[in-house]
């Protein structure tokens, strides 16, 4: 951590400590309590660390903080959601994964997918599992609702849904790049069982995924132009863009916008005919 990060971490911990009462964490109020909130020794006791070590942490000393201690501090200080994530980021640690939403409570994001019609769009989580999609996305690919829930995943569709190899012009190059992006996501969560399940399913789709996976290539998202050759409306050139949800950046809306008037017309025909 930089010196500025250590100062920010110490200030954040102190502010969260001072807002809690002893009663709120199951401690007796005690007598002659001059300072507001919990005492440093109380936070240290509840978190399983020494008083001197916790004092140094609040003072911004250059000490190491393990994920186990961060977990304990988050529980003691009643940090949830954005506050818990902020604690980990200040300590230069990857925040623990958030619960993956199933669609409930995401009506505002699903409404965005509908508003993007006739442009194909889908909502996916950190595993690339599809949470929602609009009518245009289903018309471009397939009705994802007909896939088993376990296989309703964008990277699986690239390898396990055979028509994609003729739908997407230069499929092999795009698939290889997507595997590199997916590996970057999976490697950030090595203990996530859902990633392990998806990877196992992908190995079952044939040799192509396994060959790309063993390369250990890593890539970030890039705005790309992809050419789709649809059996109903012909060739369309679409630009793929990723939008992040402000409340949880692991929720991503993937949009596909035509790059020319001819593609726009064909896309309109695709959704009109669906």
Protein backbone atom coordinates (compact mmCIF):
# COMPACT_ATOMS: atom_id res chain seq x y z
CA UNK A 1 0.00 0.00 0.00
CA UNK A 2 1.13 3.55 -0.64
CA UNK A 3 1.38 6.03 2.23
CA UNK A 4 -1.79 7.76 0.99
CA UNK A 5 -3.65 4.44 0.95
CA UNK A 6 -2.50 3.63 4.50
CA UNK A 7 -3.73 7.02 5.73
CA UNK A 8 -7.05 6.54 3.95
CA UNK A 9 -7.43 3.03 5.39
CA UNK A 10 -6.70 4.26 8.91
CA UNK A 11 -9.18 7.11 8.59
CA UNK A 12 -11.86 4.81 7.23
CA UNK A 13 -11.42 2.28 10.05
CA UNK A 14 -11.51 5.02 12.66
CA UNK A 15 -14.70 6.52 11.24
CA UNK A 16 -16.43 3.12 11.14
CA UNK A 17 -15.27 2.36 14.72
CA UNK A 18 -16.58 5.66 16.04
CA UNK A 19 -20.08 5.16 14.65
CA UNK A 20 -20.65 1.89 16.57
CA UNK A 21 -21.84 1.65 20.16
CA UNK A 22 -20.66 -1.13 22.50
CA UNK A 23 -24.23 -2.39 22.73
CA UNK A 24 -24.43 -2.80 18.93
CA UNK A 25 -21.62 -5.39 19.01
CA UNK A 26 -22.71 -7.17 22.21
CA UNK A 27 -20.45 -5.38 24.70
CA UNK A 28 -21.53 -3.69 27.95
CA UNK A 29 -21.53 0.11 27.75
CA UNK A 30 -19.03 0.52 30.59
CA UNK A 31 -18.32 3.65 32.63
CA UNK A 32 -16.31 6.82 31.95
CA UNK A 33 -16.50 6.40 28.18
CA UNK A 34 -15.19 9.73 26.94
CA UNK A 35 -14.76 8.99 23.22
CA UNK A 36 -17.70 8.12 21.04
CA UNK A 37 -18.03 4.70 19.51
CA UNK A 38 -15.90 1.65 20.20
CA UNK A 39 -12.43 1.79 21.71
CA UNK A 40 -9.48 0.50 19.71
CA UNK A 41 -8.94 -2.30 22.22
CA UNK A 42 -12.55 -3.42 21.74
CA UNK A 43 -12.18 -3.62 17.97
CA UNK A 44 -8.89 -5.50 18.42
CA UNK A 45 -10.47 -7.96 20.86
CA UNK A 46 -13.46 -8.67 18.62
CA UNK A 47 -11.24 -9.03 15.53
CA UNK A 48 -8.64 -11.31 17.12
CA UNK A 49 -5.65 -8.97 16.74
CA UNK A 50 -3.44 -7.19 19.24
CA UNK A 51 -4.27 -3.68 20.40
CA UNK A 52 -0.86 -2.35 19.33
CA UNK A 53 -1.20 -3.86 15.84
CA UNK A 54 -4.67 -2.39 15.33
CA UNK A 55 -3.47 0.98 16.64
CA UNK A 56 -0.65 0.97 14.09
CA UNK A 57 -3.16 0.13 11.36
CA UNK A 58 -5.32 3.14 12.22
CA UNK A 59 -2.19 5.31 12.43
CA UNK A 60 -1.22 4.38 8.87
CA UNK A 61 1.92 2.44 9.79
CA UNK A 62 3.54 0.30 7.08
CA UNK A 63 2.26 -3.14 8.15
CA UNK A 64 0.85 -6.09 6.24
CA UNK A 65 -2.87 -6.84 6.42
CA UNK A 66 -4.08 -10.33 5.52
CA UNK A 67 -7.44 -11.15 3.94
CA UNK A 68 -8.36 -13.05 7.11
CA UNK A 69 -7.86 -9.91 9.20
CA UNK A 70 -9.83 -7.83 6.70
CA UNK A 71 -12.68 -10.36 6.97
CA UNK A 72 -12.58 -10.08 10.75
CA UNK A 73 -12.50 -6.27 10.72
CA UNK A 74 -15.41 -6.16 8.26
CA UNK A 75 -17.48 -8.37 10.58
CA UNK A 76 -16.55 -6.40 13.71
CA UNK A 77 -17.26 -3.03 12.13
CA UNK A 78 -20.46 -4.25 10.46
CA UNK A 79 -19.25 -3.43 6.95
CA UNK A 80 -21.45 -4.65 4.13
CA UNK A 81 -21.79 -3.96 0.41
CA UNK A 82 -19.81 -0.95 -0.83
CA UNK A 83 -18.15 -0.35 2.57
CA UNK A 84 -16.76 -3.89 2.71
CA UNK A 85 -15.54 -3.59 -0.88
CA UNK A 86 -13.93 -0.22 -0.07
CA UNK A 87 -12.04 -1.74 2.87
CA UNK A 88 -10.43 -4.38 0.64
CA UNK A 89 -9.54 -1.92 -2.09
CA UNK A 90 -7.87 0.43 0.39
CA UNK A 91 -5.78 -2.51 1.60
CA UNK A 92 -4.75 -3.39 -1.99
CA UNK A 93 -6.75 -6.62 -1.91
CA UNK A 94 -9.27 -7.95 -4.40
CA UNK A 95 -12.73 -7.61 -2.82
CA UNK A 96 -14.55 -10.88 -2.11
CA UNK A 97 -17.07 -11.85 -4.78
CA UNK A 98 -20.53 -10.43 -4.39
CA UNK A 99 -23.58 -12.62 -4.51
CA UNK A 100 -24.56 -13.23 -8.11
CA UNK A 101 -28.04 -11.82 -8.74
CA UNK A 102 -30.62 -13.98 -10.48
CA UNK A 103 -32.60 -11.19 -12.11
CA UNK A 104 -34.69 -10.22 -9.11
CA UNK A 105 -34.03 -6.59 -8.21
CA UNK A 106 -32.45 -5.90 -11.60
CA UNK A 107 -35.55 -4.62 -13.35
CA UNK A 108 -33.89 -1.28 -14.07
CA UNK A 109 -31.06 -3.00 -15.98
CA UNK A 110 -33.37 -5.40 -17.78
CA UNK A 111 -35.43 -2.38 -18.84
CA UNK A 112 -32.31 -0.94 -20.48
CA UNK A 113 -32.05 -4.07 -22.63
CA UNK A 114 -35.58 -3.49 -23.88
CA UNK A 115 -34.87 0.17 -24.54
CA UNK A 116 -31.91 -0.77 -26.74
CA UNK A 117 -34.12 -2.60 -29.27
CA UNK A 118 -33.63 -3.21 -32.16
CA UNK A 119 -29.97 -3.45 -31.16
CA UNK A 120 -29.01 -6.80 -29.62
CA UNK A 121 -28.03 -6.58 -25.96
CA UNK A 122 -27.62 -8.88 -22.98
CA UNK A 123 -26.87 -8.59 -19.27
CA UNK A 124 -24.18 -10.90 -17.88
CA UNK A 125 -22.41 -11.38 -14.56
CA UNK A 126 -18.74 -11.96 -13.72
CA UNK A 127 -19.01 -15.60 -14.81
CA UNK A 128 -20.40 -14.51 -18.22
CA UNK A 129 -23.68 -16.15 -17.19
CA UNK A 130 -26.61 -14.55 -18.98
CA UNK A 131 -29.03 -12.88 -16.58
CA UNK A 132 -31.15 -11.26 -19.27
CA UNK A 133 -31.31 -10.46 -22.98
CA UNK A 134 -33.58 -8.59 -25.34
CA UNK A 135 -35.54 -9.88 -28.29
CA UNK A 136 -32.89 -8.74 -30.78
CA UNK A 137 -30.13 -10.69 -29.00
CA UNK A 138 -32.27 -13.83 -29.09
CA UNK A 139 -33.01 -13.27 -32.78
CA UNK A 140 -29.31 -12.87 -33.55
CA UNK A 141 -28.24 -15.96 -31.62
CA UNK A 142 -30.92 -18.23 -30.17
CA UNK A 143 -33.61 -18.28 -27.50
CA UNK A 144 -31.32 -18.65 -24.50
CA UNK A 145 -34.29 -19.60 -22.31
CA UNK A 146 -34.36 -22.95 -24.13
CA UNK A 147 -30.83 -23.77 -22.94
CA UNK A 148 -30.35 -25.48 -19.55
CA UNK A 149 -29.68 -22.83 -16.92
CA UNK A 150 -26.17 -24.20 -16.33
CA UNK A 151 -25.28 -23.63 -20.01
CA UNK A 152 -26.87 -20.21 -20.32
CA UNK A 153 -23.45 -18.63 -20.53
CA UNK A 154 -21.95 -16.44 -23.26
CA UNK A 155 -18.57 -18.16 -23.46
CA UNK A 156 -20.29 -21.57 -23.55
CA UNK A 157 -22.49 -20.38 -26.45
CA UNK A 158 -19.28 -19.55 -28.37
CA UNK A 159 -18.17 -23.19 -28.18
CA UNK A 160 -21.16 -25.34 -27.25
CA UNK A 161 -23.78 -23.92 -29.65
CA UNK A 162 -22.70 -25.21 -33.11
CA UNK A 163 -24.46 -22.58 -35.31
CA UNK A 164 -22.25 -19.81 -33.88
CA UNK A 165 -19.31 -21.05 -35.96
CA UNK A 166 -21.08 -20.14 -39.19
CA UNK A 167 -22.95 -17.15 -37.77
CA UNK A 168 -19.78 -15.34 -36.68
CA UNK A 169 -17.38 -14.63 -39.55
CA UNK A 170 -13.78 -15.45 -38.53
CA UNK A 171 -15.12 -17.39 -35.55
CA UNK A 172 -11.76 -18.88 -34.52
CA UNK A 173 -10.01 -15.52 -34.07
CA UNK A 174 -12.91 -14.04 -32.09
CA UNK A 175 -13.29 -17.19 -29.97
CA UNK A 176 -9.60 -17.22 -29.09
CA UNK A 177 -9.74 -13.59 -27.97
CA UNK A 178 -12.86 -14.24 -25.88
CA UNK A 179 -11.16 -17.18 -24.14
CA UNK A 180 -8.27 -14.86 -23.20
CA UNK A 181 -10.79 -12.39 -21.72
CA UNK A 182 -12.60 -15.17 -19.88
CA UNK A 183 -9.35 -16.54 -18.46
CA UNK A 184 -8.51 -13.09 -17.09
CA UNK A 185 -11.88 -13.10 -15.28
CA UNK A 186 -11.54 -16.70 -14.03
CA UNK A 187 -7.96 -16.24 -12.80
CA UNK A 188 -9.11 -13.39 -10.54
CA UNK A 189 -11.43 -15.85 -8.75
CA UNK A 190 -9.42 -19.10 -8.48
CA UNK A 191 -11.64 -20.55 -5.73
CA UNK A 192 -14.96 -19.73 -7.38
CA UNK A 193 -16.80 -23.04 -7.99
CA UNK A 194 -18.97 -21.58 -10.75
CA UNK A 195 -15.91 -20.75 -12.87
CA UNK A 196 -14.63 -24.31 -12.35
CA UNK A 197 -18.01 -25.69 -13.47
CA UNK A 198 -18.07 -23.56 -16.62
CA UNK A 199 -14.51 -24.48 -17.57
CA UNK A 200 -15.30 -28.18 -17.16
CA UNK A 201 -18.36 -27.80 -19.40
CA UNK A 202 -16.30 -25.94 -22.00
CA UNK A 203 -13.71 -28.72 -22.17
CA UNK A 204 -16.58 -31.05 -23.06
CA UNK A 205 -17.50 -28.99 -26.15
CA UNK A 206 -14.53 -30.21 -28.19
CA UNK A 207 -10.80 -29.57 -28.70
CA UNK A 208 -11.00 -25.90 -29.75
CA UNK A 209 -11.63 -24.51 -26.28
CA UNK A 210 -8.99 -26.74 -24.68
CA UNK A 211 -6.39 -25.63 -27.23
CA UNK A 212 -7.12 -21.93 -26.62
CA UNK A 213 -7.29 -22.41 -22.84
CA UNK A 214 -3.89 -24.11 -22.64
CA UNK A 215 -2.28 -21.09 -24.27
CA UNK A 216 -2.84 -19.11 -21.03
CA UNK A 217 -3.43 -15.94 -23.06
CA UNK A 218 -4.88 -12.99 -21.15
CA UNK A 219 -6.79 -10.09 -22.71
CA UNK A 220 -8.99 -7.24 -21.61
CA UNK A 221 -12.22 -6.13 -23.21
CA UNK A 222 -11.90 -4.18 -26.45
CA UNK A 223 -14.54 -2.48 -28.55
CA UNK A 224 -14.59 -4.74 -31.60
CA UNK A 225 -16.35 -4.91 -34.95
CA UNK A 226 -17.76 -8.34 -35.67
CA UNK A 227 -19.31 -9.58 -38.88
CA UNK A 228 -22.37 -11.81 -38.53
CA UNK A 229 -23.67 -13.86 -41.45
CA UNK A 230 -27.26 -14.60 -40.48
CA UNK A 231 -29.20 -17.20 -42.44
CA UNK A 232 -32.34 -15.03 -42.56
CA UNK A 233 -31.08 -11.52 -43.31
CA UNK A 234 -27.51 -11.90 -44.57
CA UNK A 235 -24.34 -10.18 -43.41
CA UNK A 236 -24.34 -7.54 -40.68
CA UNK A 237 -21.37 -5.65 -39.24
CA UNK A 238 -21.93 -4.88 -35.55
CA UNK A 239 -19.78 -3.03 -32.99
CA UNK A 240 -19.69 -4.69 -29.57
CA UNK A 241 -19.54 -2.41 -26.53
CA UNK A 242 -19.56 -3.22 -22.79
CA UNK A 243 -21.36 -1.04 -20.23
CA UNK A 244 -20.84 -1.53 -16.47
CA UNK A 245 -23.58 -1.17 -13.86
CA UNK A 246 -22.60 1.56 -11.41
CA UNK A 247 -23.97 -0.34 -8.40
CA UNK A 248 -21.99 -3.50 -9.25
CA UNK A 249 -19.35 -3.34 -11.97
CA UNK A 250 -19.39 -7.13 -12.29
CA UNK A 251 -22.79 -6.74 -13.93
CA UNK A 252 -22.22 -5.87 -17.58
CA UNK A 253 -24.50 -4.94 -20.45
CA UNK A 254 -23.10 -6.07 -23.81
CA UNK A 255 -24.51 -4.12 -26.76
CA UNK A 256 -24.17 -4.71 -30.50
CA UNK A 257 -24.69 -1.63 -32.69
CA UNK A 258 -24.59 -1.62 -36.52
CA UNK A 259 -21.62 0.14 -38.08
CA UNK A 260 -23.32 1.06 -41.38
CA UNK A 261 -26.75 1.74 -42.81
CA UNK A 262 -26.98 -1.59 -44.61
CA UNK A 263 -26.35 -3.50 -41.36
CA UNK A 264 -28.88 -1.31 -39.56
CA UNK A 265 -31.52 -2.17 -42.15
CA UNK A 266 -30.78 -5.88 -41.96
CA UNK A 267 -30.89 -5.76 -38.16
CA UNK A 268 -34.29 -4.10 -38.30
CA UNK A 269 -35.51 -6.85 -40.63
CA UNK A 270 -34.16 -9.50 -38.25
CA UNK A 271 -36.12 -8.18 -35.29
CA UNK A 272 -39.21 -7.35 -37.36
CA UNK A 273 -39.35 -10.89 -38.72
CA UNK A 274 -38.77 -12.52 -35.35
